Amino acid sequence: MNDIDVNNTIVLNNGVSIPQLGLGVFQTPSGDETVNAVKWALQTGYRHIDTARAYNNEESVGQGIRESGVKRRDIFLTTKLWNDDVRAGRTREAYEESLDRLGTDYVDLYLIHWPADGWQQAWKDMQELYLERRVRAIGVCNFEKHHLEELHALSSVKPAVNQIESSPQFANQTLIDWTNSQMRVDVEAWSPLGGTGGSLLKNPELQTIADRYGKSPAQVVIRWHLQRGVIVIPKSTHKERIEQNFDVFDFSLSDHDMQAISAFDTGKRNGADPDNFNF
């Protein structure tokens, strides 16, 4: 399914290319911390930044982009429609507000953040934005198989991306495989390193694998995602870690090590259940 080129981009189902590795800014505070993280990432070589209305840092992301010296047209920028706006039927208004905060006249990918009540109408409104060429691609987050099947039945525009929780401890591989093969939709992983406060990166077996490649556990996990054909958006506010997380294109994990990392799967989510959330 995933058409990956030598520049480590994936061609989405509408022909738009997305860098497979990006910087996420979930829980990154508005202000200098986010500005610097975005600026450092872009100066390191990242060309994909993922934010959301709910993160309350879109202004800082926009400032970081402007201060980076990298041209806007060379950056793949994602933001998301929050649940309150989904429920209130404010898709178009919320999109314009995000553009204002980001200081741009378009985003490359606009996502429904969760399948909140009213997502069906929100998708129709996003489809109009897409057909008006206001956004280069549209997609969803945290959609399960039944959500995607319902969306497919009501829409002529297929989502380009489904952003879901995925890490070695909760690979979500069954949904990824079905989404890729049956829907021809690419998957993006949030919480790719196991989530804040998680134990994944302290796993002794993972450390042994990392030592074998002369890499950090985080670099090995990011590489595991890349080799699965998944788009991945690790977050950090530390310059050295941001640079390290991007230094993952000079090695490949063996099939044995890929399988060993996949075997860490506990089947337990770190985040909320898309079929049972209260926000």
Protein backbone atom coordinates (compact mmCIF):
# COMPACT_ATOMS: atom_id res chain seq x y z
CA MET A 1 0.00 0.00 0.00
CA ASN A 2 2.56 2.56 1.14
CA ASP A 3 4.39 4.15 -1.78
CA ILE A 4 7.62 5.26 -0.08
CA ASP A 5 10.32 7.08 -2.04
CA VAL A 6 14.02 7.54 -1.43
CA ASN A 7 13.40 10.89 0.26
CA ASN A 8 11.45 9.16 3.03
CA THR A 9 8.09 10.52 2.00
CA ILE A 10 4.87 8.62 1.50
CA VAL A 11 2.54 9.40 -1.38
CA LEU A 12 -0.97 9.61 0.04
CA ASN A 13 -4.02 8.31 -1.80
CA ASN A 14 -4.70 11.74 -3.32
CA GLY A 15 -1.17 12.08 -4.71
CA VAL A 16 0.12 14.47 -2.03
CA SER A 17 3.49 13.53 -0.50
CA ILE A 18 3.97 13.56 3.27
CA PRO A 19 7.34 13.24 5.02
CA GLN A 20 7.21 9.95 6.90
CA LEU A 21 8.93 11.39 9.98
CA GLY A 22 7.67 14.57 11.61
CA LEU A 23 7.72 16.50 14.87
CA GLY A 24 4.69 16.28 17.15
CA VAL A 25 3.94 19.04 19.67
CA PHE A 26 1.28 17.42 21.88
CA GLN A 27 1.62 18.75 25.46
CA THR A 28 4.34 21.18 24.35
CA PRO A 29 3.57 24.49 26.11
CA SER A 30 2.77 27.57 24.08
CA GLY A 31 5.65 30.03 23.96
CA ASP A 32 9.39 29.62 23.58
CA GLU A 33 9.36 25.88 24.23
CA THR A 34 7.20 25.18 21.18
CA VAL A 35 8.76 27.94 19.07
CA ASN A 36 12.24 26.54 19.68
CA ALA A 37 11.22 22.90 19.18
CA VAL A 38 9.70 23.68 15.79
CA LYS A 39 12.59 25.90 14.77
CA TRP A 40 15.22 23.34 15.81
CA ALA A 41 13.35 20.53 14.06
CA LEU A 42 13.12 22.40 10.78
CA GLN A 43 16.75 23.46 10.98
CA THR A 44 17.69 19.81 11.61
CA GLY A 45 15.90 18.69 8.45
CA TYR A 46 12.37 17.82 9.51
CA ARG A 47 9.78 19.02 7.02
CA HIS A 48 6.65 17.80 8.78
CA ILE A 49 5.09 19.47 11.83
CA ASP A 50 1.95 18.13 13.55
CA THR A 51 -0.15 20.30 15.86
CA ALA A 52 -3.82 20.68 16.81
CA ARG A 53 -6.30 23.25 18.05
CA ALA A 54 -6.53 21.33 21.31
CA TYR A 55 -2.80 21.65 21.96
CA ASN A 56 -3.17 25.44 22.38
CA ASN A 57 0.16 26.07 20.66
CA GLU A 58 -0.72 26.81 17.03
CA GLU A 59 0.53 30.40 17.35
CA SER A 60 3.88 29.18 18.63
CA VAL A 61 4.13 26.59 15.85
CA GLY A 62 3.56 29.33 13.30
CA GLN A 63 6.19 31.51 14.92
CA GLY A 64 8.68 28.63 14.94
CA ILE A 65 8.08 28.06 11.24
CA ARG A 66 8.66 31.72 10.46
CA GLU A 67 11.83 31.88 12.58
CA SER A 68 13.26 28.69 11.10
CA GLY A 69 14.20 30.22 7.77
CA VAL A 70 12.53 27.30 5.94
CA LYS A 71 9.99 28.32 3.31
CA ARG A 72 6.38 27.51 4.16
CA ARG A 73 5.90 25.68 0.87
CA ASP A 74 8.65 23.23 1.87
CA ILE A 75 6.90 22.28 5.13
CA PHE A 76 4.10 19.77 5.57
CA LEU A 77 1.86 21.24 8.28
CA THR A 78 -0.96 19.38 10.02
CA THR A 79 -3.59 20.64 12.44
CA LYS A 80 -6.83 19.18 13.75
CA LEU A 81 -10.51 19.95 14.30
CA TRP A 82 -11.31 19.68 18.01
CA ASN A 83 -14.28 17.80 19.46
CA ASP A 84 -16.12 20.90 20.71
CA ASP A 85 -16.08 22.33 17.19
CA VAL A 86 -17.18 18.98 15.73
CA ARG A 87 -20.17 18.91 18.07
CA ALA A 88 -21.01 22.56 17.41
CA GLY A 89 -20.84 22.18 13.63
CA ARG A 90 -18.05 24.79 13.42
CA THR A 91 -15.70 23.05 10.99
CA ARG A 92 -15.20 25.91 8.58
CA GLU A 93 -14.97 28.55 11.30
CA ALA A 94 -12.53 26.43 13.31
CA TYR A 95 -10.35 25.93 10.25
CA GLU A 96 -10.16 29.66 9.60
CA GLU A 97 -9.28 30.28 13.24
CA SER A 98 -6.47 27.71 13.07
CA LEU A 99 -5.11 29.38 9.95
CA ASP A 100 -5.13 32.74 11.74
CA ARG A 101 -3.27 31.32 14.73
CA LEU A 102 -0.74 29.55 12.54
CA GLY A 103 -0.25 32.61 10.34
CA THR A 104 -0.73 30.68 7.11
CA ASP A 105 -3.36 30.56 4.40
CA TYR A 106 -3.56 26.77 4.18
CA VAL A 107 -2.55 23.60 5.98
CA ASP A 108 -1.35 20.49 4.23
CA LEU A 109 -3.44 18.08 6.27
CA TYR A 110 -6.56 18.78 8.33
CA LEU A 111 -7.78 16.00 10.62
CA ILE A 112 -10.89 15.29 12.69
CA HIS A 113 -9.26 14.79 16.09
CA TRP A 114 -11.70 12.23 17.54
CA PRO A 115 -14.95 10.62 16.33
CA ALA A 116 -17.05 12.97 18.45
CA ASP A 117 -20.81 13.27 17.91
CA GLY A 118 -21.35 15.10 14.65
CA TRP A 119 -18.19 13.86 12.92
CA GLN A 120 -20.24 12.84 9.89
CA GLN A 121 -21.24 16.45 9.17
CA ALA A 122 -17.75 17.64 10.03
CA TRP A 123 -16.36 15.30 7.37
CA LYS A 124 -18.77 16.68 4.78
CA ASP A 125 -17.65 20.21 5.68
CA MET A 126 -13.98 19.20 5.48
CA GLN A 127 -14.66 17.59 2.13
CA GLU A 128 -15.95 20.96 0.88
CA LEU A 129 -12.76 22.68 2.11
CA TYR A 130 -10.72 20.07 0.28
CA LEU A 131 -12.72 20.36 -2.96
CA GLU A 132 -12.32 24.15 -2.73
CA ARG A 133 -8.53 23.55 -2.53
CA ARG A 134 -8.35 25.25 0.85
CA VAL A 135 -6.43 22.27 2.27
CA ARG A 136 -4.18 19.81 0.45
CA ALA A 137 -5.45 16.67 2.21
CA ILE A 138 -8.01 15.72 4.84
CA GLY A 139 -8.16 12.82 7.23
CA VAL A 140 -9.16 11.56 10.63
CA CYS A 141 -7.68 10.55 13.97
CA ASN A 142 -8.66 7.71 16.26
CA PHE A 143 -11.12 6.17 13.83
CA GLU A 144 -11.76 2.47 14.34
CA LYS A 145 -12.75 0.07 11.55
CA HIS A 146 -16.49 0.76 11.96
CA HIS A 147 -15.93 4.54 11.83
CA LEU A 148 -13.95 4.21 8.59
CA GLU A 149 -16.58 1.94 7.08
CA GLU A 150 -19.31 4.47 7.90
CA LEU A 151 -17.22 7.33 6.51
CA HIS A 152 -16.60 5.41 3.29
CA ALA A 153 -20.34 4.85 2.87
CA LEU A 154 -21.24 8.53 3.21
CA SER A 155 -18.40 10.27 1.39
CA SER A 156 -16.91 10.47 -2.08
CA VAL A 157 -13.59 11.65 -0.61
CA LYS A 158 -11.48 9.04 1.13
CA PRO A 159 -9.42 10.18 4.15
CA ALA A 160 -5.75 10.46 3.29
CA VAL A 161 -4.61 9.57 6.81
CA ASN A 162 -5.91 7.91 9.97
CA GLN A 163 -3.79 9.04 12.92
CA ILE A 164 -4.04 6.48 15.72
CA GLU A 165 -2.20 5.34 18.83
CA SER A 166 0.60 2.94 17.95
CA SER A 167 3.80 1.93 19.74
CA PRO A 168 5.58 -1.37 20.33
CA GLN A 169 3.51 -1.79 23.50
CA PHE A 170 0.24 -1.15 21.61
CA ALA A 171 1.04 -1.78 17.97
CA ASN A 172 -2.58 -1.58 16.79
CA GLN A 173 -1.34 -3.69 13.88
CA THR A 174 -4.67 -5.28 12.97
CA LEU A 175 -6.25 -1.87 12.41
CA ILE A 176 -3.16 -0.63 10.55
CA ASP A 177 -3.15 -3.63 8.21
CA TRP A 178 -6.87 -3.36 7.51
CA THR A 179 -6.71 0.43 6.99
CA ASN A 180 -3.82 0.08 4.56
CA SER A 181 -5.12 -2.88 2.58
CA GLN A 182 -8.88 -2.43 2.59
CA MET A 183 -9.24 1.36 2.74
CA ARG A 184 -5.96 2.34 1.05
CA VAL A 185 -5.52 4.94 3.77
CA ASP A 186 -2.13 5.63 5.36
CA VAL A 187 -1.66 5.41 9.10
CA GLU A 188 0.14 7.90 11.31
CA ALA A 189 1.24 6.91 14.81
CA TRP A 190 0.70 9.11 17.85
CA SER A 191 2.38 8.26 21.15
CA PRO A 192 4.92 6.35 19.04
CA LEU A 193 7.47 6.01 21.86
CA GLY A 194 4.96 4.69 24.37
CA GLY A 195 3.63 7.93 25.82
CA THR A 196 4.60 10.30 28.60
CA GLY A 197 5.73 8.42 31.68
CA GLY A 198 5.79 5.09 29.85
CA SER A 199 8.35 2.35 30.46
CA LEU A 200 9.03 1.33 26.86
CA LEU A 201 12.35 3.13 26.42
CA LYS A 202 13.68 1.52 29.61
CA ASN A 203 12.98 -2.00 28.34
CA PRO A 204 16.25 -4.00 28.71
CA GLU A 205 15.61 -6.03 25.56
CA LEU A 206 15.07 -2.85 23.57
CA GLN A 207 18.30 -1.44 25.00
CA THR A 208 20.15 -4.58 23.89
CA ILE A 209 18.81 -4.18 20.36
CA ALA A 210 19.73 -0.48 20.37
CA ASP A 211 23.27 -1.25 21.52
CA ARG A 212 23.68 -3.66 18.62
CA TYR A 213 23.04 -0.83 16.14
CA GLY A 214 24.84 1.89 18.09
CA LYS A 215 21.55 3.77 18.45
CA SER A 216 19.28 4.88 21.28
CA PRO A 217 16.10 2.97 22.19
CA ALA A 218 14.04 5.88 20.85
CA GLN A 219 15.87 5.79 17.51
CA VAL A 220 15.24 2.05 17.24
CA VAL A 221 11.52 2.48 17.94
CA ILE A 222 11.22 5.27 15.38
CA ARG A 223 13.00 3.02 12.87
CA TRP A 224 10.54 0.21 13.70
CA HIS A 225 7.66 2.51 12.80
CA LEU A 226 9.32 3.62 9.57
CA GLN A 227 9.94 0.06 8.44
CA ARG A 228 6.29 -0.78 9.06
CA GLY A 229 5.40 1.95 6.56
CA VAL A 230 3.81 4.07 9.28
CA ILE A 231 4.06 7.88 9.44
CA VAL A 232 5.54 8.78 12.82
CA ILE A 233 5.59 12.04 14.82
CA PRO A 234 7.74 11.75 17.96
CA LYS A 235 7.76 14.80 20.20
CA SER A 236 10.53 16.47 22.15
CA THR A 237 11.44 19.96 23.31
CA HIS A 238 15.15 19.17 23.72
CA LYS A 239 17.39 20.16 20.81
CA GLU A 240 19.69 17.15 21.14
CA ARG A 241 16.76 14.72 21.32
CA ILE A 242 15.02 16.36 18.36
CA GLU A 243 18.20 15.94 16.33
CA GLN A 244 18.70 12.37 17.55
CA ASN A 245 15.14 11.37 16.65
CA PHE A 246 15.80 12.45 13.07
CA ASP A 247 19.05 10.47 12.81
CA VAL A 248 17.33 7.21 11.86
CA PHE A 249 17.91 6.89 8.14
CA ASP A 250 21.38 5.34 8.21
CA PHE A 251 20.46 1.88 9.49
CA SER A 252 17.81 -0.81 9.10
CA LEU A 253 16.46 -3.24 11.65
CA SER A 254 16.69 -6.92 10.82
CA ASP A 255 13.50 -8.96 10.42
CA HIS A 256 14.38 -10.70 13.68
CA ASP A 257 14.67 -7.40 15.56
CA MET A 258 11.47 -6.06 13.99
CA GLN A 259 9.65 -9.14 15.26
CA ALA A 260 11.27 -8.89 18.69
CA ILE A 261 10.10 -5.29 19.08
CA SER A 262 6.60 -6.19 17.85
CA ALA A 263 6.49 -8.86 20.55
CA PHE A 264 6.47 -6.11 23.21
CA ASP A 265 2.77 -5.61 22.39
CA THR A 266 0.60 -5.77 25.51
CA GLY A 267 -2.69 -5.02 23.76
CA LYS A 268 -3.29 -2.20 26.25
CA ARG A 269 -3.75 1.42 25.20
CA ASN A 270 -1.81 4.26 26.74
CA GLY A 271 -4.43 6.80 25.60
CA ALA A 272 -8.20 6.96 25.39
CA ASP A 273 -10.42 4.41 23.69
CA PRO A 274 -11.97 5.90 20.50
CA ASP A 275 -15.23 4.11 21.30
CA ASN A 276 -15.34 5.36 24.89
CA PHE A 277 -13.94 8.82 25.55
CA ASN A 278 -15.41 11.65 27.62
CA PHE A 279 -13.86 14.84 26.25
